[in-house]
Amino acid sequence: MTDKRTFDEVVARHGSTVLRVCRALVGPIDADDAWSETFMSALRVYPTLPADANVEAWLVTIAHRKVIDLVRKDRRSAKPVAEVPVEPIEFDFGGSEIDLARLLGRLSDRQRQAVIYHYLVGLPYAEVAALVGGSPEAARRAAADGIAKLRTTYGNRRPQRRH
């Protein structure tokens, strides 16, 4: 049996991955709240986590659930705005994480989650399936469909770096 890392080491090692997942799922504004909620929940349970557990996948699972909670809470809340937009805001394919969140936001929930968990986090399809439900083949199909939709909608253009 191996020794577990301290929780500070876990946050240092996996914090950026969890933040990328949160930003991709809910955008930059709510990502910090989802990140904090993830690690607060993880802190309570970490002492009982087996030493051989896949900590990154475990944290991504918690983040996924915290994002769902945030989205549900957000959908139940009214949002006052100064002006109602006349037309939808068009996507600026500029490469920032804000743009990535908008781009991914145009996919179905299942496609967005499969693309994020497989391509951004690097989880295998079996773990993606465990997070979003269904089989690994269904997760692979959702990710492939999501990427195909992104390519069809936005072409094979590469994001431009902003200077």
N, C-alpha and C. Protein backbone atom coordinates (compact mmCIF):
# COMPACT_ATOMS: atom_id res chain seq x y z
N MET A 1 0.84 -1.18 0.00
CA MET A 1 0.00 0.00 0.00
C MET A 1 0.89 1.24 0.00
N THR A 2 0.55 2.21 -0.83
CA THR A 2 1.33 3.43 -0.91
C THR A 2 0.75 4.49 0.02
N ASP A 3 1.61 5.42 0.40
CA ASP A 3 1.15 6.52 1.26
C ASP A 3 0.41 7.53 0.40
N LYS A 4 -0.65 8.07 0.96
CA LYS A 4 -1.41 9.10 0.25
C LYS A 4 -0.70 10.43 0.40
N ARG A 5 -0.91 11.27 -0.59
CA ARG A 5 -0.38 12.63 -0.53
C ARG A 5 -1.18 13.44 0.48
N THR A 6 -0.58 14.52 0.95
CA THR A 6 -1.35 15.42 1.80
C THR A 6 -2.38 16.12 0.92
N PHE A 7 -3.42 16.64 1.53
CA PHE A 7 -4.46 17.29 0.74
C PHE A 7 -3.92 18.52 0.03
N ASP A 8 -2.99 19.23 0.65
CA ASP A 8 -2.36 20.38 -0.02
C ASP A 8 -1.67 19.95 -1.31
N GLU A 9 -1.01 18.80 -1.28
CA GLU A 9 -0.35 18.29 -2.48
C GLU A 9 -1.37 17.90 -3.55
N VAL A 10 -2.51 17.35 -3.12
CA VAL A 10 -3.57 16.98 -4.06
C VAL A 10 -4.09 18.23 -4.76
N VAL A 11 -4.33 19.29 -4.00
CA VAL A 11 -4.82 20.54 -4.59
C VAL A 11 -3.78 21.10 -5.56
N ALA A 12 -2.52 21.10 -5.16
CA ALA A 12 -1.46 21.63 -6.03
C ALA A 12 -1.34 20.81 -7.31
N ARG A 13 -1.47 19.51 -7.21
CA ARG A 13 -1.29 18.64 -8.37
C ARG A 13 -2.50 18.66 -9.32
N HIS A 14 -3.73 18.68 -8.77
CA HIS A 14 -4.93 18.52 -9.59
C HIS A 14 -5.80 19.77 -9.67
N GLY A 15 -5.44 20.82 -8.97
CA GLY A 15 -6.26 22.02 -8.94
C GLY A 15 -6.48 22.64 -10.31
N SER A 16 -5.43 22.69 -11.13
CA SER A 16 -5.58 23.32 -12.45
C SER A 16 -6.47 22.49 -13.37
N THR A 17 -6.41 21.17 -13.26
CA THR A 17 -7.28 20.31 -14.07
C THR A 17 -8.74 20.53 -13.69
N VAL A 18 -9.01 20.55 -12.39
CA VAL A 18 -10.37 20.76 -11.91
C VAL A 18 -10.87 22.14 -12.34
N LEU A 19 -10.02 23.14 -12.29
CA LEU A 19 -10.43 24.49 -12.71
C LEU A 19 -10.73 24.52 -14.21
N ARG A 20 -9.93 23.83 -15.03
CA ARG A 20 -10.21 23.78 -16.47
C ARG A 20 -11.55 23.12 -16.74
N VAL A 21 -11.84 22.05 -16.02
CA VAL A 21 -13.14 21.36 -16.19
C VAL A 21 -14.27 22.32 -15.81
N CYS A 22 -14.14 22.97 -14.68
CA CYS A 22 -15.19 23.90 -14.22
C CYS A 22 -15.37 25.04 -15.21
N ARG A 23 -14.28 25.62 -15.70
CA ARG A 23 -14.38 26.72 -16.66
C ARG A 23 -15.04 26.27 -17.95
N ALA A 24 -14.68 25.08 -18.40
CA ALA A 24 -15.26 24.59 -19.65
C ALA A 24 -16.75 24.30 -19.50
N LEU A 25 -17.17 23.86 -18.33
CA LEU A 25 -18.57 23.52 -18.13
C LEU A 25 -19.45 24.71 -17.80
N VAL A 26 -18.97 25.65 -16.98
CA VAL A 26 -19.82 26.77 -16.57
C VAL A 26 -19.26 28.14 -16.90
N GLY A 27 -18.11 28.21 -17.53
CA GLY A 27 -17.52 29.50 -17.86
C GLY A 27 -16.71 30.06 -16.71
N PRO A 28 -16.01 31.15 -16.97
CA PRO A 28 -15.06 31.67 -15.99
C PRO A 28 -15.68 32.29 -14.74
N ILE A 29 -16.90 32.77 -14.85
CA ILE A 29 -17.50 33.47 -13.71
C ILE A 29 -17.85 32.50 -12.58
N ASP A 30 -18.51 31.41 -12.92
CA ASP A 30 -18.92 30.45 -11.90
C ASP A 30 -17.88 29.37 -11.62
N ALA A 31 -16.83 29.33 -12.41
CA ALA A 31 -15.82 28.27 -12.26
C ALA A 31 -15.15 28.29 -10.89
N ASP A 32 -14.85 29.47 -10.38
CA ASP A 32 -14.19 29.54 -9.07
C ASP A 32 -15.07 28.96 -7.97
N ASP A 33 -16.38 29.25 -8.03
CA ASP A 33 -17.29 28.69 -7.03
C ASP A 33 -17.34 27.17 -7.13
N ALA A 34 -17.43 26.66 -8.35
CA ALA A 34 -17.47 25.20 -8.54
C ALA A 34 -16.16 24.57 -8.07
N TRP A 35 -15.04 25.21 -8.36
CA TRP A 35 -13.74 24.70 -7.94
C TRP A 35 -13.66 24.64 -6.42
N SER A 36 -14.06 25.73 -5.77
CA SER A 36 -14.02 25.77 -4.30
C SER A 36 -14.92 24.71 -3.69
N GLU A 37 -16.14 24.59 -4.21
CA GLU A 37 -17.07 23.58 -3.70
C GLU A 37 -16.52 22.17 -3.90
N THR A 38 -15.85 21.95 -5.01
CA THR A 38 -15.25 20.64 -5.27
C THR A 38 -14.24 20.29 -4.20
N PHE A 39 -13.32 21.19 -3.92
CA PHE A 39 -12.27 20.88 -2.96
C PHE A 39 -12.76 20.89 -1.52
N MET A 40 -13.81 21.67 -1.23
CA MET A 40 -14.38 21.60 0.13
C MET A 40 -15.01 20.23 0.35
N SER A 41 -15.72 19.72 -0.64
CA SER A 41 -16.32 18.39 -0.53
C SER A 41 -15.25 17.32 -0.47
N ALA A 42 -14.25 17.46 -1.31
CA ALA A 42 -13.17 16.47 -1.36
C ALA A 42 -12.40 16.41 -0.04
N LEU A 43 -12.21 17.56 0.58
CA LEU A 43 -11.47 17.60 1.85
C LEU A 43 -12.15 16.76 2.92
N ARG A 44 -13.47 16.79 2.94
CA ARG A 44 -14.21 16.02 3.95
C ARG A 44 -14.06 14.51 3.75
N VAL A 45 -13.97 14.09 2.51
CA VAL A 45 -13.96 12.65 2.21
C VAL A 45 -12.55 12.10 2.00
N TYR A 46 -11.60 12.94 1.68
CA TYR A 46 -10.25 12.50 1.32
C TYR A 46 -9.63 11.54 2.34
N PRO A 47 -9.78 11.76 3.63
CA PRO A 47 -9.14 10.83 4.58
C PRO A 47 -9.61 9.37 4.42
N THR A 48 -10.81 9.16 3.89
CA THR A 48 -11.32 7.79 3.73
C THR A 48 -11.08 7.23 2.33
N LEU A 49 -10.51 8.04 1.44
CA LEU A 49 -10.25 7.59 0.07
C LEU A 49 -9.13 6.55 0.08
N PRO A 50 -9.31 5.43 -0.61
CA PRO A 50 -8.24 4.42 -0.66
C PRO A 50 -6.96 5.00 -1.27
N ALA A 51 -5.83 4.53 -0.80
CA ALA A 51 -4.54 5.05 -1.25
C ALA A 51 -4.31 4.81 -2.74
N ASP A 52 -4.92 3.78 -3.30
CA ASP A 52 -4.70 3.47 -4.72
C ASP A 52 -5.78 4.06 -5.63
N ALA A 53 -6.62 4.94 -5.11
CA ALA A 53 -7.70 5.54 -5.90
C ALA A 53 -7.13 6.49 -6.96
N ASN A 54 -7.84 6.63 -8.05
CA ASN A 54 -7.49 7.59 -9.09
C ASN A 54 -8.02 8.95 -8.63
N VAL A 55 -7.17 9.72 -8.00
CA VAL A 55 -7.57 10.98 -7.36
C VAL A 55 -8.08 11.98 -8.38
N GLU A 56 -7.42 12.06 -9.53
CA GLU A 56 -7.86 13.01 -10.55
C GLU A 56 -9.27 12.71 -11.03
N ALA A 57 -9.55 11.46 -11.34
CA ALA A 57 -10.89 11.07 -11.79
C ALA A 57 -11.91 11.31 -10.69
N TRP A 58 -11.54 11.03 -9.47
CA TRP A 58 -12.42 11.26 -8.32
C TRP A 58 -12.75 12.75 -8.20
N LEU A 59 -11.75 13.61 -8.33
CA LEU A 59 -11.98 15.05 -8.24
C LEU A 59 -12.83 15.57 -9.41
N VAL A 60 -12.59 15.05 -10.60
CA VAL A 60 -13.38 15.46 -11.76
C VAL A 60 -14.84 15.05 -11.56
N THR A 61 -15.06 13.88 -10.97
CA THR A 61 -16.43 13.44 -10.68
C THR A 61 -17.10 14.39 -9.71
N ILE A 62 -16.39 14.78 -8.68
CA ILE A 62 -16.95 15.74 -7.71
C ILE A 62 -17.23 17.07 -8.40
N ALA A 63 -16.29 17.54 -9.21
CA ALA A 63 -16.47 18.82 -9.93
C ALA A 63 -17.70 18.74 -10.84
N HIS A 64 -17.85 17.62 -11.52
CA HIS A 64 -19.01 17.41 -12.39
C HIS A 64 -20.31 17.58 -11.60
N ARG A 65 -20.37 16.97 -10.44
CA ARG A 65 -21.58 17.06 -9.61
C ARG A 65 -21.79 18.47 -9.06
N LYS A 66 -20.72 19.13 -8.69
CA LYS A 66 -20.84 20.51 -8.18
C LYS A 66 -21.31 21.45 -9.29
N VAL A 67 -20.84 21.23 -10.50
CA VAL A 67 -21.28 22.04 -11.63
C VAL A 67 -22.77 21.82 -11.88
N ILE A 68 -23.21 20.57 -11.82
CA ILE A 68 -24.64 20.28 -11.99
C ILE A 68 -25.44 21.03 -10.93
N ASP A 69 -24.98 21.00 -9.69
CA ASP A 69 -25.66 21.72 -8.61
C ASP A 69 -25.72 23.22 -8.91
N LEU A 70 -24.59 23.78 -9.36
CA LEU A 70 -24.54 25.20 -9.68
C LEU A 70 -25.50 25.56 -10.81
N VAL A 71 -25.52 24.75 -11.85
CA VAL A 71 -26.39 25.01 -13.00
C VAL A 71 -27.85 24.93 -12.58
N ARG A 72 -28.19 23.93 -11.79
CA ARG A 72 -29.57 23.81 -11.32
C ARG A 72 -29.97 25.00 -10.48
N LYS A 73 -29.08 25.43 -9.61
CA LYS A 73 -29.37 26.60 -8.77
C LYS A 73 -29.51 27.85 -9.64
N ASP A 74 -28.63 27.98 -10.61
CA ASP A 74 -28.65 29.14 -11.50
C ASP A 74 -29.94 29.19 -12.33
N ARG A 75 -30.40 28.04 -12.78
CA ARG A 75 -31.62 27.99 -13.60
C ARG A 75 -32.86 28.37 -12.79
N ARG A 76 -32.80 28.17 -11.49
CA ARG A 76 -33.96 28.51 -10.65
C ARG A 76 -33.95 29.97 -10.23
N SER A 77 -32.86 30.68 -10.51
CA SER A 77 -32.73 32.07 -10.09
C SER A 77 -33.01 33.02 -11.24
N ALA A 78 -33.73 34.09 -10.93
CA ALA A 78 -33.97 35.13 -11.93
C ALA A 78 -32.73 35.99 -12.04
N LYS A 79 -32.44 36.44 -13.25
CA LYS A 79 -31.25 37.26 -13.49
C LYS A 79 -31.67 38.60 -14.07
N PRO A 80 -31.57 39.67 -13.29
CA PRO A 80 -31.89 40.98 -13.85
C PRO A 80 -30.80 41.43 -14.83
N VAL A 81 -31.22 42.09 -15.90
CA VAL A 81 -30.28 42.62 -16.87
C VAL A 81 -30.65 44.06 -17.18
N ALA A 82 -29.65 44.85 -17.51
CA ALA A 82 -29.90 46.26 -17.83
C ALA A 82 -30.61 46.38 -19.16
N GLU A 83 -30.17 45.58 -20.14
CA GLU A 83 -30.78 45.61 -21.46
C GLU A 83 -30.93 44.19 -21.97
N VAL A 84 -32.03 43.95 -22.63
CA VAL A 84 -32.22 42.65 -23.25
C VAL A 84 -31.53 42.69 -24.61
N PRO A 85 -30.63 41.74 -24.88
CA PRO A 85 -29.94 41.78 -26.17
C PRO A 85 -30.90 41.55 -27.32
N VAL A 86 -30.68 42.29 -28.39
CA VAL A 86 -31.53 42.18 -29.56
C VAL A 86 -31.16 40.94 -30.36
N GLU A 87 -29.88 40.67 -30.52
CA GLU A 87 -29.40 39.52 -31.26
C GLU A 87 -28.45 38.72 -30.38
N PRO A 88 -28.33 37.43 -30.63
CA PRO A 88 -27.37 36.65 -29.86
C PRO A 88 -25.95 37.11 -30.13
N ILE A 89 -25.11 36.96 -29.15
CA ILE A 89 -23.71 37.34 -29.30
C ILE A 89 -23.02 36.28 -30.16
N GLU A 90 -22.31 36.73 -31.18
CA GLU A 90 -21.62 35.79 -32.05
C GLU A 90 -20.31 35.36 -31.41
N PHE A 91 -19.91 34.13 -31.69
CA PHE A 91 -18.67 33.57 -31.18
C PHE A 91 -17.47 34.21 -31.87
N ASP A 92 -16.51 34.65 -31.06
CA ASP A 92 -15.26 35.19 -31.57
C ASP A 92 -14.23 34.08 -31.41
N PHE A 93 -13.81 33.45 -32.49
CA PHE A 93 -12.91 32.31 -32.41
C PHE A 93 -11.50 32.82 -32.11
N GLY A 94 -11.33 33.32 -30.85
CA GLY A 94 -10.07 33.92 -30.47
C GLY A 94 -9.20 33.05 -29.60
N GLY A 95 -9.69 31.93 -29.10
CA GLY A 95 -8.85 31.00 -28.38
C GLY A 95 -8.83 31.14 -26.87
N SER A 96 -9.49 32.11 -26.28
CA SER A 96 -9.45 32.22 -24.82
C SER A 96 -10.42 31.21 -24.21
N GLU A 97 -10.28 30.99 -22.91
CA GLU A 97 -11.16 30.03 -22.26
C GLU A 97 -12.61 30.51 -22.25
N ILE A 98 -12.83 31.81 -22.24
CA ILE A 98 -14.19 32.33 -22.34
C ILE A 98 -14.78 31.91 -23.68
N ASP A 99 -14.01 32.04 -24.74
CA ASP A 99 -14.47 31.64 -26.05
C ASP A 99 -14.71 30.13 -26.09
N LEU A 100 -13.86 29.38 -25.46
CA LEU A 100 -14.02 27.92 -25.43
C LEU A 100 -15.33 27.56 -24.74
N ALA A 101 -15.65 28.23 -23.66
CA ALA A 101 -16.91 27.95 -22.96
C ALA A 101 -18.10 28.25 -23.86
N ARG A 102 -18.05 29.34 -24.60
CA ARG A 102 -19.14 29.67 -25.52
C ARG A 102 -19.24 28.64 -26.64
N LEU A 103 -18.11 28.27 -27.18
CA LEU A 103 -18.08 27.29 -28.25
C LEU A 103 -18.67 25.96 -27.78
N LEU A 104 -18.22 25.49 -26.64
CA LEU A 104 -18.73 24.23 -26.10
C LEU A 104 -20.18 24.34 -25.68
N GLY A 105 -20.62 25.53 -25.31
CA GLY A 105 -21.99 25.74 -24.90
C GLY A 105 -23.00 25.52 -26.01
N ARG A 106 -22.53 25.46 -27.23
CA ARG A 106 -23.44 25.24 -28.37
C ARG A 106 -23.65 23.76 -28.67
N LEU A 107 -22.95 22.90 -27.93
CA LEU A 107 -23.13 21.45 -28.08
C LEU A 107 -24.22 20.98 -27.14
N SER A 108 -24.76 19.80 -27.38
CA SER A 108 -25.71 19.22 -26.43
C SER A 108 -24.97 18.93 -25.13
N ASP A 109 -25.69 18.78 -24.03
CA ASP A 109 -25.05 18.52 -22.74
C ASP A 109 -24.13 17.30 -22.81
N ARG A 110 -24.63 16.21 -23.37
CA ARG A 110 -23.85 14.97 -23.44
C ARG A 110 -22.59 15.15 -24.29
N GLN A 111 -22.72 15.82 -25.44
CA GLN A 111 -21.56 16.05 -26.30
C GLN A 111 -20.54 16.94 -25.61
N ARG A 112 -21.02 18.01 -24.99
CA ARG A 112 -20.12 18.95 -24.31
C ARG A 112 -19.35 18.24 -23.21
N GLN A 113 -20.04 17.47 -22.39
CA GLN A 113 -19.38 16.78 -21.30
C GLN A 113 -18.38 15.75 -21.81
N ALA A 114 -18.74 15.01 -22.85
CA ALA A 114 -17.84 13.99 -23.40
C ALA A 114 -16.58 14.65 -23.98
N VAL A 115 -16.75 15.75 -24.69
CA VAL A 115 -15.60 16.45 -25.27
C VAL A 115 -14.71 16.99 -24.16
N ILE A 116 -15.29 17.60 -23.15
CA ILE A 116 -14.50 18.17 -22.06
C ILE A 116 -13.74 17.08 -21.32
N TYR A 117 -14.45 16.04 -20.89
CA TYR A 117 -13.81 15.02 -20.07
C TYR A 117 -12.78 14.20 -20.85
N HIS A 118 -13.04 13.97 -22.13
CA HIS A 118 -12.06 13.17 -22.88
C HIS A 118 -10.93 14.03 -23.44
N TYR A 119 -11.27 15.12 -24.13
CA TYR A 119 -10.26 15.90 -24.82
C TYR A 119 -9.55 16.92 -23.93
N LEU A 120 -10.25 17.55 -23.00
CA LEU A 120 -9.60 18.55 -22.15
C LEU A 120 -8.96 17.93 -20.91
N VAL A 121 -9.67 16.97 -20.30
CA VAL A 121 -9.14 16.34 -19.08
C VAL A 121 -8.27 15.14 -19.43
N GLY A 122 -8.60 14.45 -20.52
CA GLY A 122 -7.82 13.29 -20.90
C GLY A 122 -8.29 11.98 -20.30
N LEU A 123 -9.54 11.95 -19.82
CA LEU A 123 -10.05 10.72 -19.24
C LEU A 123 -10.38 9.72 -20.34
N PRO A 124 -10.15 8.43 -20.08
CA PRO A 124 -10.56 7.42 -21.05
C PRO A 124 -12.08 7.36 -21.14
N TYR A 125 -12.58 6.81 -22.24
CA TYR A 125 -14.02 6.79 -22.46
C TYR A 125 -14.78 6.03 -21.38
N ALA A 126 -14.17 5.01 -20.77
CA ALA A 126 -14.84 4.28 -19.70
C ALA A 126 -15.13 5.20 -18.51
N GLU A 127 -14.18 6.07 -18.19
CA GLU A 127 -14.39 7.01 -17.08
C GLU A 127 -15.35 8.13 -17.47
N VAL A 128 -15.30 8.54 -18.73
CA VAL A 128 -16.27 9.54 -19.22
C VAL A 128 -17.68 8.97 -19.09
N ALA A 129 -17.84 7.70 -19.49
CA ALA A 129 -19.15 7.05 -19.40
C ALA A 129 -19.63 6.98 -17.95
N ALA A 130 -18.71 6.71 -17.03
CA ALA A 130 -19.09 6.65 -15.62
C ALA A 130 -19.58 8.01 -15.12
N LEU A 131 -19.02 9.08 -15.65
CA LEU A 131 -19.42 10.43 -15.23
C LEU A 131 -20.75 10.86 -15.85
N VAL A 132 -20.91 10.62 -17.15
CA VAL A 132 -22.08 11.16 -17.84
C VAL A 132 -23.19 10.13 -18.02
N GLY A 133 -22.90 8.88 -17.70
CA GLY A 133 -23.89 7.82 -17.87
C GLY A 133 -23.78 7.18 -19.23
N GLY A 134 -24.16 5.92 -19.31
CA GLY A 134 -24.09 5.21 -20.58
C GLY A 134 -22.84 4.36 -20.67
N SER A 135 -22.62 3.86 -21.86
CA SER A 135 -21.49 2.96 -22.10
C SER A 135 -20.28 3.75 -22.61
N PRO A 136 -19.10 3.14 -22.55
CA PRO A 136 -17.93 3.79 -23.15
C PRO A 136 -18.12 4.08 -24.64
N GLU A 137 -18.82 3.18 -25.33
CA GLU A 137 -19.08 3.41 -26.76
C GLU A 137 -19.97 4.63 -26.97
N ALA A 138 -20.97 4.80 -26.10
CA ALA A 138 -21.85 5.98 -26.20
C ALA A 138 -21.06 7.25 -25.89
N ALA A 139 -20.15 7.19 -24.94
CA ALA A 139 -19.31 8.35 -24.62
C ALA A 139 -18.41 8.68 -25.81
N ARG A 140 -17.83 7.67 -26.44
CA ARG A 140 -16.99 7.87 -27.61
C ARG A 140 -17.80 8.51 -28.75
N ARG A 141 -19.03 8.03 -28.95
CA ARG A 141 -19.89 8.55 -30.01
C ARG A 141 -20.25 10.01 -29.72
N ALA A 142 -20.60 10.32 -28.46
CA ALA A 142 -20.95 11.69 -28.10
C ALA A 142 -19.77 12.63 -28.32
N ALA A 143 -18.58 12.19 -27.94
CA ALA A 143 -17.39 13.03 -28.14
C ALA A 143 -17.12 13.22 -29.63
N ALA A 144 -17.23 12.14 -30.40
CA ALA A 144 -17.00 12.23 -31.85
C ALA A 144 -18.04 13.15 -32.50
N ASP A 145 -19.30 13.01 -32.10
CA ASP A 145 -20.35 13.87 -32.65
C ASP A 145 -20.11 15.33 -32.27
N GLY A 146 -19.67 15.56 -31.04
CA GLY A 146 -19.39 16.93 -30.61
C GLY A 146 -18.25 17.56 -31.40
N ILE A 147 -17.18 16.80 -31.59
CA ILE A 147 -16.05 17.31 -32.38
C ILE A 147 -16.48 17.54 -33.83
N ALA A 148 -17.26 16.61 -34.37
CA ALA A 148 -17.74 16.77 -35.75
C ALA A 148 -18.60 18.03 -35.88
N LYS A 149 -19.45 18.28 -34.89
CA LYS A 149 -20.29 19.48 -34.95
C LYS A 149 -19.44 20.74 -34.86
N LEU A 150 -18.43 20.72 -34.01
CA LEU A 150 -17.54 21.88 -33.91
C LEU A 150 -16.82 22.11 -35.24
N ARG A 151 -16.35 21.05 -35.86
CA ARG A 151 -15.65 21.18 -37.15
C ARG A 151 -16.60 21.67 -38.24
N THR A 152 -17.82 21.15 -38.24
CA THR A 152 -18.80 21.55 -39.26
C THR A 152 -19.17 23.01 -39.07
N THR A 153 -19.40 23.41 -37.84
CA THR A 153 -19.83 24.76 -37.55
C THR A 153 -18.70 25.77 -37.70
N TYR A 154 -17.49 25.42 -37.24
CA TYR A 154 -16.40 26.39 -37.20
C TYR A 154 -15.22 26.01 -38.09
N GLY A 155 -15.34 24.92 -38.83
CA GLY A 155 -14.27 24.51 -39.73
C GLY A 155 -13.08 23.98 -38.95
N ASN A 156 -12.01 23.75 -39.63
CA ASN A 156 -10.79 23.24 -39.00
C ASN A 156 -9.83 24.35 -38.63
N ARG A 157 -10.36 25.55 -38.49
CA ARG A 157 -9.52 26.68 -38.13
C ARG A 157 -8.92 26.48 -36.75
N ARG A 158 -7.73 26.96 -36.58
CA ARG A 158 -7.06 26.93 -35.28
C ARG A 158 -7.32 28.27 -34.60
N PRO A 159 -7.49 28.25 -33.29
CA PRO A 159 -7.67 29.53 -32.58
C PRO A 159 -6.44 30.42 -32.76
N GLN A 160 -6.66 31.70 -32.91
CA GLN A 160 -5.57 32.67 -33.03
C GLN A 160 -5.17 33.16 -31.65
N ARG A 161 -3.88 33.26 -31.40
CA ARG A 161 -3.40 33.78 -30.12
C ARG A 161 -3.56 35.29 -30.10
N ARG A 162 -4.01 35.79 -28.95
CA ARG A 162 -4.13 37.25 -28.80
C ARG A 162 -2.84 37.78 -28.20
N HIS A 163 -2.38 38.89 -28.73
CA HIS A 163 -1.12 39.45 -28.24
C HIS A 163 -1.36 40.66 -27.40
